[in-house]
PDB file of all heavy atoms in Angstrom:
ATOM      1  N   ASP A   1      12.931   4.000  66.703  1.00  0.00           N
ATOM      2  CA  ASP A   1      14.259   3.650  67.229  1.00  0.00           C
ATOM      3  C   ASP A   1      15.377   4.407  66.539  1.00  0.00           C
ATOM      4  O   ASP A   1      16.418   4.665  67.142  1.00  0.00           O
ATOM      5  CB  ASP A   1      14.481   2.125  67.110  1.00  0.00           C
ATOM      6  CG  ASP A   1      13.661   1.323  68.097  1.00  0.00           C
ATOM      7  OD1 ASP A   1      13.111   1.931  69.042  1.00  0.00           O
ATOM      8  OD2 ASP A   1      13.537   0.096  67.896  1.00  0.00           O
ATOM      9  N   GLN A   2      15.141   4.779  65.305  1.00  0.00           N
ATOM     10  CA  GLN A   2      16.158   5.549  64.571  1.00  0.00           C
ATOM     11  C   GLN A   2      16.138   7.020  64.966  1.00  0.00           C
ATOM     12  O   GLN A   2      17.019   7.795  64.581  1.00  0.00           O
ATOM     13  CB  GLN A   2      15.894   5.434  63.059  1.00  0.00           C
ATOM     14  CG  GLN A   2      16.179   4.080  62.452  1.00  0.00           C
ATOM     15  CD  GLN A   2      17.648   3.786  62.335  1.00  0.00           C
ATOM     16  OE1 GLN A   2      18.486   4.684  62.410  1.00  0.00           O
ATOM     17  NE2 GLN A   2      17.974   2.499  62.129  1.00  0.00           N
ATOM     18  N   GLY A   3      15.089   7.429  65.712  1.00  0.00           N
ATOM     19  CA  GLY A   3      14.993   8.818  66.127  1.00  0.00           C
ATOM     20  C   GLY A   3      14.405   9.721  65.069  1.00  0.00           C
ATOM     21  O   GLY A   3      14.490  10.942  65.177  1.00  0.00           O
ATOM     22  N   TRP A   4      13.767   9.138  64.038  1.00  0.00           N
ATOM     23  CA  TRP A   4      13.208   9.954  62.963  1.00  0.00           C
ATOM     24  C   TRP A   4      11.871  10.552  63.360  1.00  0.00           C
ATOM     25  O   TRP A   4      11.406  11.518  62.733  1.00  0.00           O
ATOM     26  CB  TRP A   4      13.040   9.102  61.694  1.00  0.00           C
ATOM     27  CG  TRP A   4      14.354   8.567  61.194  1.00  0.00           C
ATOM     28  CD1 TRP A   4      15.610   8.999  61.535  1.00  0.00           C
ATOM     29  CD2 TRP A   4      14.535   7.517  60.238  1.00  0.00           C
ATOM     30  NE1 TRP A   4      16.557   8.257  60.865  1.00  0.00           N
ATOM     31  CE2 TRP A   4      15.942   7.339  60.075  1.00  0.00           C
ATOM     32  CE3 TRP A   4      13.682   6.684  59.528  1.00  0.00           C
ATOM     33  CZ2 TRP A   4      16.461   6.375  59.213  1.00  0.00           C
ATOM     34  CZ3 TRP A   4      14.183   5.734  58.670  1.00  0.00           C
ATOM     35  CH2 TRP A   4      15.581   5.582  58.515  1.00  0.00           C
ATOM     36  N   LEU A   5      11.225   9.966  64.373  1.00  0.00           N
ATOM     37  CA  LEU A   5       9.990  10.497  64.942  1.00  0.00           C
ATOM     38  C   LEU A   5      10.096  10.329  66.470  1.00  0.00           C
ATOM     39  O   LEU A   5      10.739   9.416  66.970  1.00  0.00           O
ATOM     40  CB  LEU A   5       8.759   9.759  64.422  1.00  0.00           C
ATOM     41  CG  LEU A   5       8.251  10.039  63.016  1.00  0.00           C
ATOM     42  CD1 LEU A   5       7.118   9.108  62.634  1.00  0.00           C
ATOM     43  CD2 LEU A   5       7.805  11.499  62.872  1.00  0.00           C
ATOM     44  N   PRO A   6       9.435  11.235  67.229  1.00  0.00           N
ATOM     45  CA  PRO A   6       9.459  11.078  68.680  1.00  0.00           C
ATOM     46  C   PRO A   6       8.614   9.856  69.121  1.00  0.00           C
ATOM     47  O   PRO A   6       7.742   9.390  68.388  1.00  0.00           O
ATOM     48  CB  PRO A   6       8.839  12.392  69.165  1.00  0.00           C
ATOM     49  CG  PRO A   6       7.999  12.876  68.040  1.00  0.00           C
ATOM     50  CD  PRO A   6       8.720  12.445  66.800  1.00  0.00           C
ATOM     51  N   SER A   7       8.887   9.365  70.300  1.00  0.00           N
ATOM     52  CA  SER A   7       8.207   8.150  70.786  1.00  0.00           C
ATOM     53  C   SER A   7       6.731   8.377  70.953  1.00  0.00           C
ATOM     54  O   SER A   7       5.936   7.400  71.005  1.00  0.00           O
ATOM     55  CB  SER A   7       8.819   7.711  72.120  1.00  0.00           C
ATOM     56  OG  SER A   7       8.715   8.747  73.088  1.00  0.00           O
ATOM     57  N   THR A   8       6.260   9.620  71.049  1.00  0.00           N
ATOM     58  CA  THR A   8       4.827   9.911  71.174  1.00  0.00           C
ATOM     59  C   THR A   8       4.084   9.529  69.891  1.00  0.00           C
ATOM     60  O   THR A   8       2.832   9.454  69.942  1.00  0.00           O
ATOM     61  CB  THR A   8       4.602  11.404  71.462  1.00  0.00           C
ATOM     62  OG1 THR A   8       5.307  12.181  70.482  1.00  0.00           O
ATOM     63  CG2 THR A   8       5.086  11.769  72.847  1.00  0.00           C
ATOM     64  N   ARG A   9       4.815   9.283  68.824  1.00  0.00           N
ATOM     65  CA  ARG A   9       4.167   8.947  67.553  1.00  0.00           C
ATOM     66  C   ARG A   9       4.290   7.474  67.231  1.00  0.00           C
ATOM     67  O   ARG A   9       3.995   7.056  66.097  1.00  0.00           O
ATOM     68  CB  ARG A   9       4.746   9.788  66.445  1.00  0.00           C
ATOM     69  CG  ARG A   9       4.682  11.285  66.712  1.00  0.00           C
ATOM     70  CD  ARG A   9       4.290  12.067  65.536  1.00  0.00           C
ATOM     71  NE  ARG A   9       4.140  13.491  65.839  1.00  0.00           N
ATOM     72  CZ  ARG A   9       3.582  14.378  65.018  1.00  0.00           C
ATOM     73  NH1 ARG A   9       3.146  13.986  63.841  1.00  0.00           N
ATOM     74  NH2 ARG A   9       3.470  15.635  65.349  1.00  0.00           N
ATOM     75  N   LEU A  10       4.668   6.678  68.189  1.00  0.00           N
ATOM     76  CA  LEU A  10       4.828   5.244  67.979  1.00  0.00           C
ATOM     77  C   LEU A  10       3.460   4.561  68.000  1.00  0.00           C
ATOM     78  O   LEU A  10       2.712   4.680  68.958  1.00  0.00           O
ATOM     79  CB  LEU A  10       5.744   4.625  69.045  1.00  0.00           C
ATOM     80  CG  LEU A  10       5.829   3.105  69.061  1.00  0.00           C
ATOM     81  CD1 LEU A  10       6.409   2.584  67.756  1.00  0.00           C
ATOM     82  CD2 LEU A  10       6.657   2.613  70.246  1.00  0.00           C
ATOM     83  N   VAL A  11       3.180   3.813  66.937  1.00  0.00           N
ATOM     84  CA  VAL A  11       1.971   3.015  66.877  1.00  0.00           C
ATOM     85  C   VAL A  11       2.379   1.540  67.166  1.00  0.00           C
ATOM     86  O   VAL A  11       3.232   0.998  66.474  1.00  0.00           O
ATOM     87  CB  VAL A  11       1.305   3.083  65.478  1.00  0.00           C
ATOM     88  CG1 VAL A  11       0.075   2.186  65.413  1.00  0.00           C
ATOM     89  CG2 VAL A  11       0.918   4.543  65.180  1.00  0.00           C
ATOM     90  N   GLY A  12       1.788   0.966  68.157  1.00  0.00           N
ATOM     91  CA  GLY A  12       2.135  -0.422  68.478  1.00  0.00           C
ATOM     92  C   GLY A  12       1.836  -0.737  69.924  1.00  0.00           C
ATOM     93  O   GLY A  12       1.391   0.114  70.704  1.00  0.00           O
ATOM     94  N   LYS A  13       2.086  -1.971  70.287  1.00  0.00           N
ATOM     95  CA  LYS A  13       1.779  -2.433  71.636  1.00  0.00           C
ATOM     96  C   LYS A  13       2.533  -1.662  72.709  1.00  0.00           C
ATOM     97  O   LYS A  13       2.043  -1.409  73.790  1.00  0.00           O
ATOM     98  CB  LYS A  13       2.069  -3.936  71.770  1.00  0.00           C
ATOM     99  CG  LYS A  13       1.623  -4.552  73.068  1.00  0.00           C
ATOM    100  CD  LYS A  13       1.515  -6.049  72.960  1.00  0.00           C
ATOM    101  CE  LYS A  13       2.837  -6.729  72.672  1.00  0.00           C
ATOM    102  NZ  LYS A  13       2.713  -8.199  72.698  1.00  0.00           N
ATOM    103  N   SER A  14       3.758  -1.251  72.384  1.00  0.00           N
ATOM    104  CA  SER A  14       4.553  -0.457  73.324  1.00  0.00           C
ATOM    105  C   SER A  14       4.408   1.033  73.107  1.00  0.00           C
ATOM    106  O   SER A  14       5.030   1.825  73.778  1.00  0.00           O
ATOM    107  CB  SER A  14       6.028  -0.858  73.239  1.00  0.00           C
ATOM    108  OG  SER A  14       6.511  -0.714  71.924  1.00  0.00           O
ATOM    109  N   GLY A  15       3.521   1.404  72.142  1.00  0.00           N
ATOM    110  CA  GLY A  15       3.239   2.820  71.894  1.00  0.00           C
ATOM    111  C   GLY A  15       1.786   3.094  72.130  1.00  0.00           C
ATOM    112  O   GLY A  15       1.264   2.872  73.213  1.00  0.00           O
ATOM    113  N   LYS A  16       1.076   3.540  71.093  1.00  0.00           N
ATOM    114  CA  LYS A  16      -0.331   3.892  71.222  1.00  0.00           C
ATOM    115  C   LYS A  16      -1.168   3.061  70.257  1.00  0.00           C
ATOM    116  O   LYS A  16      -0.763   2.734  69.147  1.00  0.00           O
ATOM    117  CB  LYS A  16      -0.554   5.359  70.953  1.00  0.00           C
ATOM    118  CG  LYS A  16      -0.067   6.270  72.074  1.00  0.00           C
ATOM    119  CD  LYS A  16      -0.589   7.673  71.937  1.00  0.00           C
ATOM    120  CE  LYS A  16      -0.230   8.520  73.153  1.00  0.00           C
ATOM    121  NZ  LYS A  16      -0.768   9.904  73.055  1.00  0.00           N
ATOM    122  N   SER A  17      -2.390   2.763  70.715  1.00  0.00           N
ATOM    123  CA  SER A  17      -3.398   2.192  69.845  1.00  0.00           C
ATOM    124  C   SER A  17      -4.138   3.332  69.183  1.00  0.00           C
ATOM    125  O   SER A  17      -4.448   4.340  69.827  1.00  0.00           O
ATOM    126  CB  SER A  17      -4.358   1.311  70.638  1.00  0.00           C
ATOM    127  OG  SER A  17      -3.676   0.188  71.174  1.00  0.00           O
ATOM    128  N   VAL A  18      -4.471   3.155  67.913  1.00  0.00           N
ATOM    129  CA  VAL A  18      -5.121   4.230  67.161  1.00  0.00           C
ATOM    130  C   VAL A  18      -6.332   3.679  66.453  1.00  0.00           C
ATOM    131  O   VAL A  18      -6.446   2.468  66.195  1.00  0.00           O
ATOM    132  CB  VAL A  18      -4.138   4.854  66.138  1.00  0.00           C
ATOM    133  CG1 VAL A  18      -2.952   5.495  66.831  1.00  0.00           C
ATOM    134  CG2 VAL A  18      -3.656   3.813  65.121  1.00  0.00           C
ATOM    135  N   LYS A  19      -7.289   4.537  66.133  1.00  0.00           N
ATOM    136  CA  LYS A  19      -8.470   4.143  65.416  1.00  0.00           C
ATOM    137  C   LYS A  19      -8.954   5.296  64.526  1.00  0.00           C
ATOM    138  O   LYS A  19     -10.062   5.793  64.677  1.00  0.00           O
ATOM    139  CB  LYS A  19      -9.577   3.677  66.334  1.00  0.00           C
ATOM    140  CG  LYS A  19      -9.778   4.502  67.593  1.00  0.00           C
ATOM    141  CD  LYS A  19     -10.793   3.853  68.527  1.00  0.00           C
ATOM    142  CE  LYS A  19     -10.944   4.609  69.787  1.00  0.00           C
ATOM    143  NZ  LYS A  19     -11.889   3.968  70.752  1.00  0.00           N
ATOM    144  N   PRO A  20      -8.102   5.714  63.591  1.00  0.00           N
ATOM    145  CA  PRO A  20      -8.485   6.787  62.687  1.00  0.00           C
ATOM    146  C   PRO A  20      -9.496   6.332  61.646  1.00  0.00           C
ATOM    147  O   PRO A  20      -9.703   5.132  61.450  1.00  0.00           O
ATOM    148  CB  PRO A  20      -7.124   7.182  62.042  1.00  0.00           C
ATOM    149  CG  PRO A  20      -6.391   5.890  62.010  1.00  0.00           C
ATOM    150  CD  PRO A  20      -6.767   5.194  63.274  1.00  0.00           C
ATOM    151  N   SER A  21     -10.077   7.282  60.956  1.00  0.00           N
ATOM    152  CA  SER A  21     -10.945   6.918  59.854  1.00  0.00           C
ATOM    153  C   SER A  21     -10.120   6.363  58.671  1.00  0.00           C
ATOM    154  O   SER A  21     -10.565   5.505  57.930  1.00  0.00           O
ATOM    155  CB  SER A  21     -11.775   8.123  59.399  1.00  0.00           C
ATOM    156  OG  SER A  21     -10.912   9.219  59.063  1.00  0.00           O
ATOM    157  N   VAL A  22      -8.884   6.886  58.487  1.00  0.00           N
ATOM    158  CA  VAL A  22      -7.981   6.381  57.480  1.00  0.00           C
ATOM    159  C   VAL A  22      -6.570   6.169  58.063  1.00  0.00           C
ATOM    160  O   VAL A  22      -6.037   7.091  58.708  1.00  0.00           O
ATOM    161  CB  VAL A  22      -7.859   7.366  56.288  1.00  0.00           C
ATOM    162  CG1 VAL A  22      -6.846   6.846  55.283  1.00  0.00           C
ATOM    163  CG2 VAL A  22      -9.232   7.575  55.625  1.00  0.00           C
ATOM    164  N   TYR A  23      -6.053   4.977  57.917  1.00  0.00           N
ATOM    165  CA  TYR A  23      -4.702   4.660  58.367  1.00  0.00           C
ATOM    166  C   TYR A  23      -3.904   4.224  57.151  1.00  0.00           C
ATOM    167  O   TYR A  23      -4.164   3.169  56.551  1.00  0.00           O
ATOM    168  CB  TYR A  23      -4.701   3.550  59.402  1.00  0.00           C
ATOM    169  CG  TYR A  23      -3.338   3.260  60.022  1.00  0.00           C
ATOM    170  CD1 TYR A  23      -2.865   4.037  61.068  1.00  0.00           C
ATOM    171  CD2 TYR A  23      -2.543   2.238  59.549  1.00  0.00           C
ATOM    172  CE1 TYR A  23      -1.634   3.799  61.617  1.00  0.00           C
ATOM    173  CE2 TYR A  23      -1.287   2.001  60.088  1.00  0.00           C
ATOM    174  CZ  TYR A  23      -0.841   2.760  61.132  1.00  0.00           C
ATOM    175  OH  TYR A  23       0.401   2.543  61.703  1.00  0.00           O
ATOM    176  N   LEU A  24      -2.953   5.056  56.710  1.00  0.00           N
ATOM    177  CA  LEU A  24      -2.132   4.772  55.555  1.00  0.00           C
ATOM    178  C   LEU A  24      -0.810   4.218  56.037  1.00  0.00           C
ATOM    179  O   LEU A  24       0.005   4.936  56.629  1.00  0.00           O
ATOM    180  CB  LEU A  24      -1.946   6.054  54.738  1.00  0.00           C
ATOM    181  CG  LEU A  24      -1.189   5.958  53.411  1.00  0.00           C
ATOM    182  CD1 LEU A  24      -1.834   4.937  52.508  1.00  0.00           C
ATOM    183  CD2 LEU A  24      -1.146   7.321  52.711  1.00  0.00           C
ATOM    184  N   ALA A  25      -0.569   2.928  55.783  1.00  0.00           N
ATOM    185  CA  ALA A  25       0.630   2.247  56.254  1.00  0.00           C
ATOM    186  C   ALA A  25       1.658   2.223  55.127  1.00  0.00           C
ATOM    187  O   ALA A  25       1.486   1.502  54.118  1.00  0.00           O
ATOM    188  CB  ALA A  25       0.301   0.841  56.710  1.00  0.00           C
ATOM    189  N   LEU A  26       2.749   2.933  55.281  1.00  0.00           N
ATOM    190  CA  LEU A  26       3.779   3.081  54.251  1.00  0.00           C
ATOM    191  C   LEU A  26       4.986   2.285  54.663  1.00  0.00           C
ATOM    192  O   LEU A  26       5.703   2.628  55.592  1.00  0.00           O
ATOM    193  CB  LEU A  26       4.141   4.541  54.078  1.00  0.00           C
ATOM    194  CG  LEU A  26       3.013   5.520  53.741  1.00  0.00           C
ATOM    195  CD1 LEU A  26       3.523   6.933  53.739  1.00  0.00           C
ATOM    196  CD2 LEU A  26       2.353   5.161  52.424  1.00  0.00           C
ATOM    197  N   GLY A  27       5.275   1.202  53.921  1.00  0.00           N
ATOM    198  CA  GLY A  27       6.459   0.408  54.187  1.00  0.00           C
ATOM    199  C   GLY A  27       6.452  -0.274  55.533  1.00  0.00           C
ATOM    200  O   GLY A  27       7.503  -0.465  56.134  1.00  0.00           O
ATOM    201  N   ILE A  28       5.275  -0.610  56.028  1.00  0.00           N
ATOM    202  CA  ILE A  28       5.124  -1.284  57.311  1.00  0.00           C
ATOM    203  C   ILE A  28       4.734  -2.727  57.018  1.00  0.00           C
ATOM    204  O   ILE A  28       3.737  -2.995  56.314  1.00  0.00           O
ATOM    205  CB  ILE A  28       4.034  -0.600  58.165  1.00  0.00           C
ATOM    206  CG1 ILE A  28       4.528   0.799  58.583  1.00  0.00           C
ATOM    207  CG2 ILE A  28       3.715  -1.415  59.382  1.00  0.00           C
ATOM    208  CD1 ILE A  28       3.495   1.607  59.320  1.00  0.00           C
ATOM    209  N   SER A  29       5.486  -3.688  57.549  1.00  0.00           N
ATOM    210  CA  SER A  29       5.216  -5.092  57.261  1.00  0.00           C
ATOM    211  C   SER A  29       3.957  -5.593  57.903  1.00  0.00           C
ATOM    212  O   SER A  29       3.240  -6.418  57.322  1.00  0.00           O
ATOM    213  CB  SER A  29       6.423  -5.965  57.673  1.00  0.00           C
ATOM    214  OG  SER A  29       6.622  -5.890  59.073  1.00  0.00           O
ATOM    215  N   GLY A  30       3.683  -5.167  59.140  1.00  0.00           N
ATOM    216  CA  GLY A  30       2.471  -5.613  59.820  1.00  0.00           C
ATOM    217  C   GLY A  30       2.742  -6.666  60.870  1.00  0.00           C
ATOM    218  O   GLY A  30       2.042  -7.668  60.974  1.00  0.00           O
TER     219      GLY A  30
END
């Protein structure tokens, strides 16, 4: 929403579901 990344990189219900081997969540509440 701040425009720091394009919407194609949104992880979430309104973005994309992901299943990487490693998901590093930085400053994400969950």
